[in-house]
Amino acid sequence: MARAVALLFGRGAPGDHGRIHAALAPAKDHYDALDEDDRDAFRDAVNRFVHTYAFLSQIVAFTDAGLERDYLFCKALAALVRPEGAGTIDLGSEVELTHLKLDQTFAGSVSLDATEGEVTTIFAGTGPQHDPDEAPLSVIVARINERFGTRWAPEDLVFYTAIADKLAGRQDMQRAAAANTAENFRLLLEKEFLSGVVDQLAVSEEMVGQYLDNGDLQAWVLARYLPLVYGKARVAHQEHCPIGELLGPARESATLEYKSTLRTRADDGGLYRPLESACLKTVAGFLNSRDGGTLLIGVADDGRVFGLEADYATLRRDGRDDRDAFQLHLANIVAASMGTAAATNVTTYIHTVESRDLCRVHARPSGFPVDAKVTVGVKGQMEKKTAFYVRLANGTREMDSAEKQKYIAGRWGVG
């Protein structure tokens, strides 16, 4: 191991890959002597260690030189023990090994004996590896904070996002990505991302210094971000502010709307389920907006509290609280219309004003485009459709396919 690591650290002749392979040969020979099950288990354990260490090293600094040595050795060995058919690393083209300067702290044999044992990795387990399930950014950040004691917010990762965007825009990185598997491309990305962090840190320090020292720049930045922060803060306030602040004549806006009922006719209280689609369209429009918005159900157009009694009557069940039944039904139809992921951005609260209930439905801006399944009237007939809705002035409007793609590109930056 010591000789292989020394060569990988750059202590051998530059580009002498044959000497590296020769140094790794004893470990490869022991691997080849294992039966198929043991080879699979060993390969999975090595890959798990390499992937986990590479990820954590981007977040925390490891001071154990031995751990760095083991990582570099295992990464090189993993390339030699891939099963047939797996991608190989072209060390002579776009991808090159990262050179590190570490002092040798260990020398000895890595020969395997006949006794039983197990390979211990940062995460226990040697089962087959699978791509991790995607998780919301907020969940990922929460896990990092819990594990490493950081206090990051999802928005703080804009630092790394800027680095990733710059790297993805470089033609050399694009060529490397096209010519290599994701695992091989990772070798290059490890080096370039670290350089990107250093470069971005310099940019951030310069931006901070200029902002503090340049009054004209401060004024320009504040003018640019004033509408953004002002709008988002006002709408976020609508989720928790005293309900009286949202009631009254002429209060409806692009971020606040009233509906007298959810599913009953306002004149006679009769059940008419297609009315639910009007509320669903509004919620979808708020989700697709940049700031979100609030829908008050049980409030007439003039801002007076109409109440939810008629809606309650259509959902009433013995032993169930009317408020709970209403909120559960509303949550169910939102999830059925827009999907569970979108529904997690919607909160509901029941308030009592002058002995009448109303429901505050607050939709935070979605991180992805949201389509809504609704029921609409077409030539006197009710039909179900899936459409994309946005807020325009004080109303909700459907967008056709061409306009939808333009809006998505501007709103989320994707085509």
Protein backbone atom coordinates (compact mmCIF):
# COMPACT_ATOMS: atom_id res chain seq x y z
CA MET A 1 0.00 0.00 0.00
CA ALA A 2 2.75 2.46 0.94
CA ARG A 3 4.37 2.30 -2.51
CA ALA A 4 1.05 2.58 -4.32
CA VAL A 5 0.01 5.59 -2.25
CA ALA A 6 3.39 7.26 -2.72
CA LEU A 7 3.01 6.92 -6.49
CA LEU A 8 -0.54 8.20 -6.37
CA PHE A 9 0.61 11.19 -4.34
CA GLY A 10 2.97 12.05 -7.17
CA ARG A 11 6.22 10.72 -5.68
CA GLY A 12 6.82 8.51 -8.70
CA ALA A 13 7.51 9.59 -12.25
CA PRO A 14 4.64 11.71 -13.55
CA GLY A 15 2.25 9.72 -15.71
CA ASP A 16 3.86 6.37 -14.89
CA HIS A 17 0.57 4.50 -14.60
CA GLY A 18 2.26 1.16 -15.17
CA ARG A 19 4.15 1.49 -11.87
CA ILE A 20 0.90 2.40 -10.10
CA HIS A 21 -0.83 -0.67 -11.48
CA ALA A 22 2.13 -2.84 -10.47
CA ALA A 23 1.96 -1.50 -6.92
CA LEU A 24 -1.75 -2.30 -6.79
CA ALA A 25 -1.28 -5.76 -8.26
CA PRO A 26 -0.90 -7.67 -4.93
CA ALA A 27 -4.24 -6.37 -3.65
CA LYS A 28 -5.84 -7.09 -7.04
CA ASP A 29 -4.47 -10.65 -6.96
CA HIS A 30 -5.96 -11.29 -3.52
CA TYR A 31 -9.27 -9.90 -4.77
CA ASP A 32 -9.22 -12.20 -7.80
CA ALA A 33 -8.65 -15.20 -5.50
CA LEU A 34 -11.93 -14.59 -3.65
CA ASP A 35 -15.13 -16.35 -4.66
CA GLU A 36 -17.81 -14.36 -6.49
CA ASP A 37 -19.88 -13.47 -3.40
CA ASP A 38 -16.86 -12.25 -1.47
CA ARG A 39 -15.70 -10.20 -4.45
CA ASP A 40 -19.10 -8.52 -4.67
CA ALA A 41 -19.11 -7.78 -0.93
CA PHE A 42 -15.57 -6.43 -0.99
CA ARG A 43 -16.20 -4.27 -4.05
CA ASP A 44 -19.38 -2.81 -2.53
CA ALA A 45 -17.62 -2.00 0.73
CA VAL A 46 -14.72 -0.26 -1.04
CA ASN A 47 -17.05 1.76 -3.24
CA ARG A 48 -19.18 2.75 -0.25
CA PHE A 49 -16.10 4.01 1.61
CA VAL A 50 -14.82 5.95 -1.41
CA HIS A 51 -18.19 7.60 -2.13
CA THR A 52 -18.89 8.48 1.49
CA TYR A 53 -15.43 9.89 2.20
CA ALA A 54 -15.45 11.93 -1.00
CA PHE A 55 -18.80 13.47 -0.07
CA LEU A 56 -17.91 14.26 3.54
CA SER A 57 -14.53 15.71 2.60
CA GLN A 58 -16.37 18.48 0.74
CA ILE A 59 -18.08 19.49 3.97
CA VAL A 60 -15.63 18.87 6.82
CA ALA A 61 -11.84 18.80 7.01
CA PHE A 62 -10.32 15.44 7.97
CA THR A 63 -7.02 15.66 9.86
CA ASP A 64 -6.25 11.92 9.77
CA ALA A 65 -3.56 11.46 7.10
CA GLY A 66 -4.11 7.70 7.28
CA LEU A 67 -7.71 8.16 6.27
CA GLU A 68 -6.63 10.21 3.26
CA ARG A 69 -4.17 7.47 2.36
CA ASP A 70 -6.82 4.76 2.61
CA TYR A 71 -9.21 6.82 0.50
CA LEU A 72 -6.72 7.35 -2.32
CA PHE A 73 -5.66 3.71 -2.29
CA CYS A 74 -9.24 2.41 -2.29
CA LYS A 75 -10.26 4.80 -5.05
CA ALA A 76 -7.48 3.50 -7.28
CA LEU A 77 -8.18 -0.11 -6.34
CA ALA A 78 -11.90 0.31 -7.02
CA ALA A 79 -11.07 1.15 -10.63
CA LEU A 80 -9.26 -2.19 -10.99
CA VAL A 81 -11.95 -4.40 -9.43
CA ARG A 82 -14.93 -3.16 -11.40
CA PRO A 83 -17.06 -6.00 -12.80
CA GLU A 84 -16.84 -6.71 -16.50
CA GLY A 85 -18.82 -4.24 -18.58
CA ALA A 86 -18.34 -1.35 -16.17
CA GLY A 87 -16.74 1.87 -17.38
CA THR A 88 -12.99 2.27 -17.12
CA ILE A 89 -11.00 5.37 -16.40
CA ASP A 90 -8.99 6.89 -19.21
CA LEU A 91 -6.16 8.36 -17.18
CA GLY A 92 -4.62 9.87 -20.27
CA SER A 93 -7.52 12.01 -21.45
CA GLU A 94 -9.84 14.45 -19.72
CA VAL A 95 -9.61 12.92 -16.24
CA GLU A 96 -6.44 12.99 -14.19
CA LEU A 97 -5.66 11.98 -10.66
CA THR A 98 -5.63 14.64 -7.94
CA HIS A 99 -2.16 15.11 -6.43
CA LEU A 100 -1.99 15.63 -2.70
CA LYS A 101 0.94 16.32 -0.41
CA LEU A 102 0.76 14.07 2.64
CA ASP A 103 3.45 12.59 4.82
CA GLN A 104 3.75 8.82 4.93
CA THR A 105 2.67 7.55 8.36
CA PHE A 106 2.44 3.83 7.67
CA ALA A 107 4.42 1.13 5.90
CA GLY A 108 3.56 -2.54 5.97
CA SER A 109 1.96 -5.45 4.26
CA VAL A 110 -1.61 -5.43 3.01
CA SER A 111 -1.71 -9.18 2.40
CA LEU A 112 -4.92 -10.98 3.31
CA ASP A 113 -4.86 -14.10 5.42
CA ALA A 114 -7.36 -16.95 5.52
CA THR A 115 -9.13 -15.84 8.66
CA GLU A 116 -12.62 -14.40 8.53
CA GLY A 117 -13.23 -10.67 8.89
CA GLU A 118 -15.16 -7.74 7.53
CA VAL A 119 -14.40 -4.51 5.77
CA THR A 120 -15.42 -1.57 7.95
CA THR A 121 -16.54 1.58 6.18
CA ILE A 122 -17.77 4.93 7.42
CA PHE A 123 -21.28 3.60 6.99
CA ALA A 124 -21.72 -0.04 7.97
CA GLY A 125 -23.10 -2.49 5.43
CA THR A 126 -21.85 -4.18 2.31
CA GLY A 127 -25.03 -4.62 0.30
CA PRO A 128 -25.33 -3.55 -3.32
CA GLN A 129 -25.21 0.17 -3.79
CA HIS A 130 -28.09 2.10 -5.28
CA ASP A 131 -28.49 5.70 -6.30
CA PRO A 132 -29.83 7.62 -3.28
CA ASP A 133 -33.44 8.77 -3.37
CA GLU A 134 -33.77 12.44 -4.15
CA ALA A 135 -34.74 14.53 -1.14
CA PRO A 136 -35.86 18.13 -0.89
CA LEU A 137 -33.03 20.60 -0.40
CA SER A 138 -34.42 21.56 3.01
CA VAL A 139 -34.19 17.92 4.14
CA ILE A 140 -30.60 17.57 2.89
CA VAL A 141 -29.53 20.74 4.69
CA ALA A 142 -31.30 19.65 7.88
CA ARG A 143 -29.38 16.36 7.84
CA ILE A 144 -26.07 18.17 7.31
CA ASN A 145 -26.84 20.55 10.19
CA GLU A 146 -27.78 17.69 12.50
CA ARG A 147 -24.70 15.64 11.68
CA PHE A 148 -22.05 18.35 11.59
CA GLY A 149 -23.43 21.04 13.89
CA THR A 150 -23.74 23.62 11.11
CA ARG A 151 -26.50 26.22 11.01
CA TRP A 152 -27.12 26.45 7.29
CA ALA A 153 -30.38 27.39 5.62
CA PRO A 154 -31.26 25.99 2.17
CA GLU A 155 -30.65 29.43 0.71
CA ASP A 156 -27.05 29.36 1.96
CA LEU A 157 -26.21 26.66 -0.59
CA VAL A 158 -26.37 29.31 -3.30
CA PHE A 159 -22.60 29.54 -2.72
CA TYR A 160 -22.13 25.98 -3.99
CA THR A 161 -24.82 26.33 -6.64
CA ALA A 162 -22.90 29.24 -8.18
CA ILE A 163 -19.77 27.07 -8.35
CA ALA A 164 -21.67 24.18 -9.91
CA ASP A 165 -23.26 26.44 -12.52
CA LYS A 166 -19.89 27.91 -13.51
CA LEU A 167 -18.31 24.46 -13.85
CA ALA A 168 -21.23 23.12 -15.89
CA GLY A 169 -20.86 26.07 -18.26
CA ARG A 170 -17.20 25.37 -19.03
CA GLN A 171 -16.56 23.60 -22.33
CA ASP A 172 -13.77 21.42 -20.92
CA MET A 173 -16.12 20.14 -18.21
CA GLN A 174 -18.81 19.55 -20.80
CA ARG A 175 -16.42 17.49 -22.93
CA ALA A 176 -15.30 15.50 -19.89
CA ALA A 177 -18.90 14.78 -18.91
CA ALA A 178 -19.71 13.61 -22.43
CA ALA A 179 -16.66 11.32 -22.62
CA ASN A 180 -16.87 9.69 -19.17
CA THR A 181 -19.26 7.92 -16.84
CA ALA A 182 -20.52 9.88 -13.84
CA GLU A 183 -18.17 7.95 -11.55
CA ASN A 184 -15.12 8.73 -13.70
CA PHE A 185 -16.20 12.36 -14.10
CA ARG A 186 -16.26 12.62 -10.31
CA LEU A 187 -12.45 12.39 -10.24
CA LEU A 188 -12.15 15.56 -12.28
CA LEU A 189 -14.98 17.29 -10.44
CA GLU A 190 -13.31 16.73 -7.06
CA LYS A 191 -10.32 18.75 -8.19
CA GLU A 192 -12.21 21.44 -10.09
CA PHE A 193 -14.87 21.93 -7.43
CA LEU A 194 -12.22 22.55 -4.77
CA SER A 195 -10.62 25.15 -7.03
CA GLY A 196 -14.07 26.62 -7.60
CA VAL A 197 -14.67 26.94 -3.86
CA VAL A 198 -11.43 28.89 -3.46
CA ASP A 199 -12.26 31.13 -6.42
CA GLN A 200 -15.82 31.72 -5.22
CA LEU A 201 -14.58 32.56 -1.74
CA ALA A 202 -12.38 35.25 -3.24
CA VAL A 203 -15.37 36.60 -5.17
CA SER A 204 -17.52 36.60 -2.04
CA GLU A 205 -14.87 38.41 0.00
CA GLU A 206 -14.49 41.00 -2.74
CA MET A 207 -18.28 41.50 -2.92
CA VAL A 208 -18.51 41.95 0.84
CA GLY A 209 -15.64 44.44 0.89
CA GLN A 210 -17.03 46.49 -1.96
CA TYR A 211 -20.52 46.53 -0.42
CA LEU A 212 -19.17 47.80 2.89
CA ASP A 213 -16.90 50.43 1.34
CA ASN A 214 -18.95 51.71 -1.60
CA GLY A 215 -22.10 53.65 -0.77
CA ASP A 216 -23.21 53.82 -4.42
CA LEU A 217 -22.95 50.04 -4.73
CA GLN A 218 -24.96 49.60 -1.53
CA ALA A 219 -27.71 51.80 -2.94
CA TRP A 220 -27.77 49.88 -6.23
CA VAL A 221 -27.95 46.48 -4.51
CA LEU A 222 -30.70 47.63 -2.15
CA ALA A 223 -32.74 49.02 -5.05
CA ARG A 224 -32.37 45.74 -6.91
CA TYR A 225 -33.40 43.54 -3.99
CA LEU A 226 -36.01 45.80 -2.40
CA PRO A 227 -38.97 44.48 -4.46
CA LEU A 228 -37.81 40.88 -4.06
CA VAL A 229 -37.47 40.97 -0.26
CA TYR A 230 -40.46 43.26 0.22
CA GLY A 231 -42.79 41.05 -1.81
CA LYS A 232 -41.69 37.76 -0.30
CA ALA A 233 -41.78 39.15 3.25
CA ARG A 234 -45.29 40.59 2.82
CA VAL A 235 -46.68 37.34 1.47
CA ALA A 236 -44.90 35.23 4.09
CA HIS A 237 -46.50 37.50 6.74
CA GLN A 238 -49.94 36.52 5.42
CA GLU A 239 -49.47 32.95 6.65
CA HIS A 240 -49.35 33.88 10.35
CA CYS A 241 -50.59 37.47 10.75
CA PRO A 242 -53.80 38.26 12.69
CA ILE A 243 -56.65 37.25 10.39
CA GLY A 244 -58.23 40.69 10.66
CA GLU A 245 -55.34 42.15 8.66
CA LEU A 246 -56.49 40.15 5.63
CA LEU A 247 -60.18 41.06 5.77
CA GLY A 248 -61.98 44.06 4.38
CA PRO A 249 -63.16 45.64 1.13
CA ALA A 250 -60.76 46.01 -1.77
CA ARG A 251 -58.12 43.83 -0.08
CA GLU A 252 -57.83 41.15 -2.77
CA SER A 253 -54.60 41.26 -4.76
CA ALA A 254 -52.20 39.10 -6.74
CA THR A 255 -51.30 37.38 -3.45
CA LEU A 256 -54.68 37.39 -1.62
CA GLU A 257 -58.02 36.03 -2.81
CA TYR A 258 -61.46 35.36 -1.27
CA LYS A 259 -63.90 32.51 -1.95
CA SER A 260 -67.30 32.40 -0.26
CA THR A 261 -67.38 28.59 -0.16
CA LEU A 262 -65.39 25.54 -1.08
CA ARG A 263 -68.06 23.24 -2.54
CA THR A 264 -71.52 24.67 -1.94
CA ARG A 265 -73.55 27.34 -3.76
CA ALA A 266 -73.55 30.63 -1.89
CA ASP A 267 -77.23 31.34 -2.63
CA ASP A 268 -78.90 28.13 -1.39
CA GLY A 269 -76.08 26.13 0.28
CA GLY A 270 -76.52 23.21 -2.09
CA LEU A 271 -73.60 20.90 -2.79
CA TYR A 272 -71.87 21.53 -6.14
CA ARG A 273 -68.50 19.83 -6.18
CA PRO A 274 -67.16 21.47 -9.37
CA LEU A 275 -66.86 24.64 -7.28
CA GLU A 276 -63.82 23.05 -5.62
CA SER A 277 -61.91 23.57 -8.85
CA ALA A 278 -62.08 27.35 -8.42
CA CYS A 279 -60.17 27.05 -5.13
CA LEU A 280 -57.75 24.51 -6.60
CA LYS A 281 -56.89 26.81 -9.51
CA THR A 282 -56.13 29.64 -7.11
CA VAL A 283 -53.89 27.46 -4.94
CA ALA A 284 -52.04 26.20 -8.03
CA GLY A 285 -51.56 29.78 -9.21
CA PHE A 286 -50.05 30.76 -5.86
CA LEU A 287 -47.74 27.73 -5.89
CA ASN A 288 -46.47 28.67 -9.35
CA SER A 289 -45.90 32.31 -8.40
CA ARG A 290 -42.59 33.66 -7.14
CA ASP A 291 -43.95 34.72 -3.75
CA GLY A 292 -46.90 32.40 -3.03
CA GLY A 293 -50.20 33.68 -1.69
CA THR A 294 -53.21 33.23 0.60
CA LEU A 295 -56.73 32.05 -0.17
CA LEU A 296 -59.47 32.75 2.39
CA ILE A 297 -62.39 30.34 2.04
CA GLY A 298 -65.60 31.49 3.72
CA VAL A 299 -65.08 35.18 2.85
CA ALA A 300 -67.26 37.05 0.33
CA ASP A 301 -65.83 39.26 -2.41
CA ASP A 302 -66.45 42.38 -0.34
CA GLY A 303 -64.29 41.07 2.51
CA ARG A 304 -67.14 40.10 4.87
CA VAL A 305 -67.03 36.69 6.57
CA PHE A 306 -69.53 34.38 4.88
CA GLY A 307 -68.78 31.28 6.95
CA LEU A 308 -68.23 27.58 6.29
CA GLU A 309 -71.43 26.11 7.76
CA ALA A 310 -72.82 24.98 4.40
CA ASP A 311 -69.52 23.29 3.52
CA TYR A 312 -69.37 21.71 6.97
CA ALA A 313 -72.84 20.22 6.47
CA THR A 314 -71.71 18.32 3.33
CA LEU A 315 -68.74 16.78 5.15
CA ARG A 316 -70.30 16.15 8.57
CA ARG A 317 -69.84 12.72 10.13
CA ASP A 318 -70.82 11.45 13.55
CA GLY A 319 -68.00 11.81 16.06
CA ARG A 320 -65.86 14.00 13.81
CA ASP A 321 -65.14 17.67 14.38
CA ASP A 322 -66.39 19.83 11.50
CA ARG A 323 -63.14 21.77 11.32
CA ASP A 324 -61.01 18.64 11.13
CA ALA A 325 -63.26 17.14 8.47
CA PHE A 326 -63.06 20.30 6.34
CA GLN A 327 -59.26 20.59 6.56
CA LEU A 328 -58.75 16.89 5.85
CA HIS A 329 -61.01 17.07 2.80
CA LEU A 330 -59.23 20.18 1.54
CA ALA A 331 -55.80 18.58 2.00
CA ASN A 332 -56.99 15.47 0.14
CA ILE A 333 -58.31 17.33 -2.89
CA VAL A 334 -55.18 19.50 -3.13
CA ALA A 335 -52.96 16.41 -3.06
CA ALA A 336 -55.18 14.60 -5.58
CA SER A 337 -55.14 17.61 -7.89
CA MET A 338 -51.49 18.69 -7.70
CA GLY A 339 -49.61 15.82 -6.07
CA THR A 340 -48.39 15.23 -2.54
CA ALA A 341 -45.08 17.05 -3.08
CA ALA A 342 -46.86 20.26 -4.07
CA ALA A 343 -49.39 19.85 -1.25
CA THR A 344 -46.61 19.99 1.35
CA ASN A 345 -46.24 23.69 0.49
CA VAL A 346 -49.85 24.39 1.52
CA THR A 347 -50.97 25.10 5.09
CA THR A 348 -54.52 25.56 6.39
CA TYR A 349 -55.89 27.26 9.51
CA ILE A 350 -59.48 27.65 10.73
CA HIS A 351 -60.39 31.00 12.32
CA THR A 352 -63.61 32.17 13.93
CA VAL A 353 -64.69 35.76 13.27
CA GLU A 354 -68.03 37.02 14.61
CA SER A 355 -69.13 33.42 15.37
CA ARG A 356 -68.42 32.28 11.80
CA ASP A 357 -65.57 30.09 10.63
CA LEU A 358 -63.27 30.77 7.71
CA CYS A 359 -60.26 28.86 6.42
CA ARG A 360 -56.89 30.49 5.70
CA VAL A 361 -55.11 28.52 2.96
CA HIS A 362 -51.52 29.67 2.52
CA ALA A 363 -49.42 28.43 -0.41
CA ARG A 364 -45.68 28.95 -0.32
CA PRO A 365 -43.97 29.23 -3.75
CA SER A 366 -43.21 25.79 -5.14
CA GLY A 367 -39.70 24.75 -6.07
CA PHE A 368 -41.01 23.11 -9.24
CA PRO A 369 -43.83 23.72 -11.78
CA VAL A 370 -47.24 22.53 -10.57
CA ASP A 371 -50.02 21.29 -12.85
CA ALA A 372 -53.54 20.98 -11.43
CA LYS A 373 -56.27 18.46 -12.28
CA VAL A 374 -59.56 20.32 -12.22
CA THR A 375 -63.16 20.06 -13.42
CA VAL A 376 -64.30 22.66 -15.94
CA GLY A 377 -67.44 23.38 -17.89
CA VAL A 378 -67.22 22.89 -21.66
CA LYS A 379 -70.35 23.57 -23.75
CA GLY A 380 -72.61 22.85 -20.84
CA GLN A 381 -70.78 19.65 -19.88
CA MET A 382 -68.36 19.11 -17.01
CA GLU A 383 -64.98 17.72 -18.02
CA LYS A 384 -61.78 16.95 -16.16
CA LYS A 385 -58.51 18.44 -17.38
CA THR A 386 -54.94 19.05 -16.27
CA ALA A 387 -53.66 22.59 -16.73
CA PHE A 388 -51.02 25.05 -15.60
CA TYR A 389 -52.24 28.13 -13.72
CA VAL A 390 -50.56 31.39 -12.75
CA ARG A 391 -51.60 34.58 -10.98
CA LEU A 392 -52.12 37.65 -13.15
CA ALA A 393 -53.17 40.85 -11.34
CA ASN A 394 -56.02 39.83 -8.99
CA GLY A 395 -56.99 36.66 -10.83
CA THR A 396 -55.86 33.19 -11.83
CA ARG A 397 -55.24 32.37 -15.47
CA GLU A 398 -54.47 29.20 -17.40
CA MET A 399 -51.40 29.18 -19.66
CA ASP A 400 -51.14 27.29 -22.93
CA SER A 401 -48.15 25.05 -23.61
CA ALA A 402 -45.98 27.67 -25.35
CA GLU A 403 -46.57 30.35 -22.71
CA LYS A 404 -46.09 27.78 -19.96
CA GLN A 405 -42.59 26.92 -21.19
CA LYS A 406 -41.63 30.60 -21.32
CA TYR A 407 -42.94 31.13 -17.79
CA ILE A 408 -41.16 28.08 -16.42
CA ALA A 409 -37.88 29.18 -18.00
CA GLY A 410 -38.16 32.57 -16.31
CA ARG A 411 -39.53 31.31 -12.99
CA TRP A 412 -37.40 28.22 -12.36
CA GLY A 413 -34.67 28.60 -14.95
CA VAL A 414 -35.49 25.35 -16.76
CA GLY A 415 -36.92 24.67 -20.18
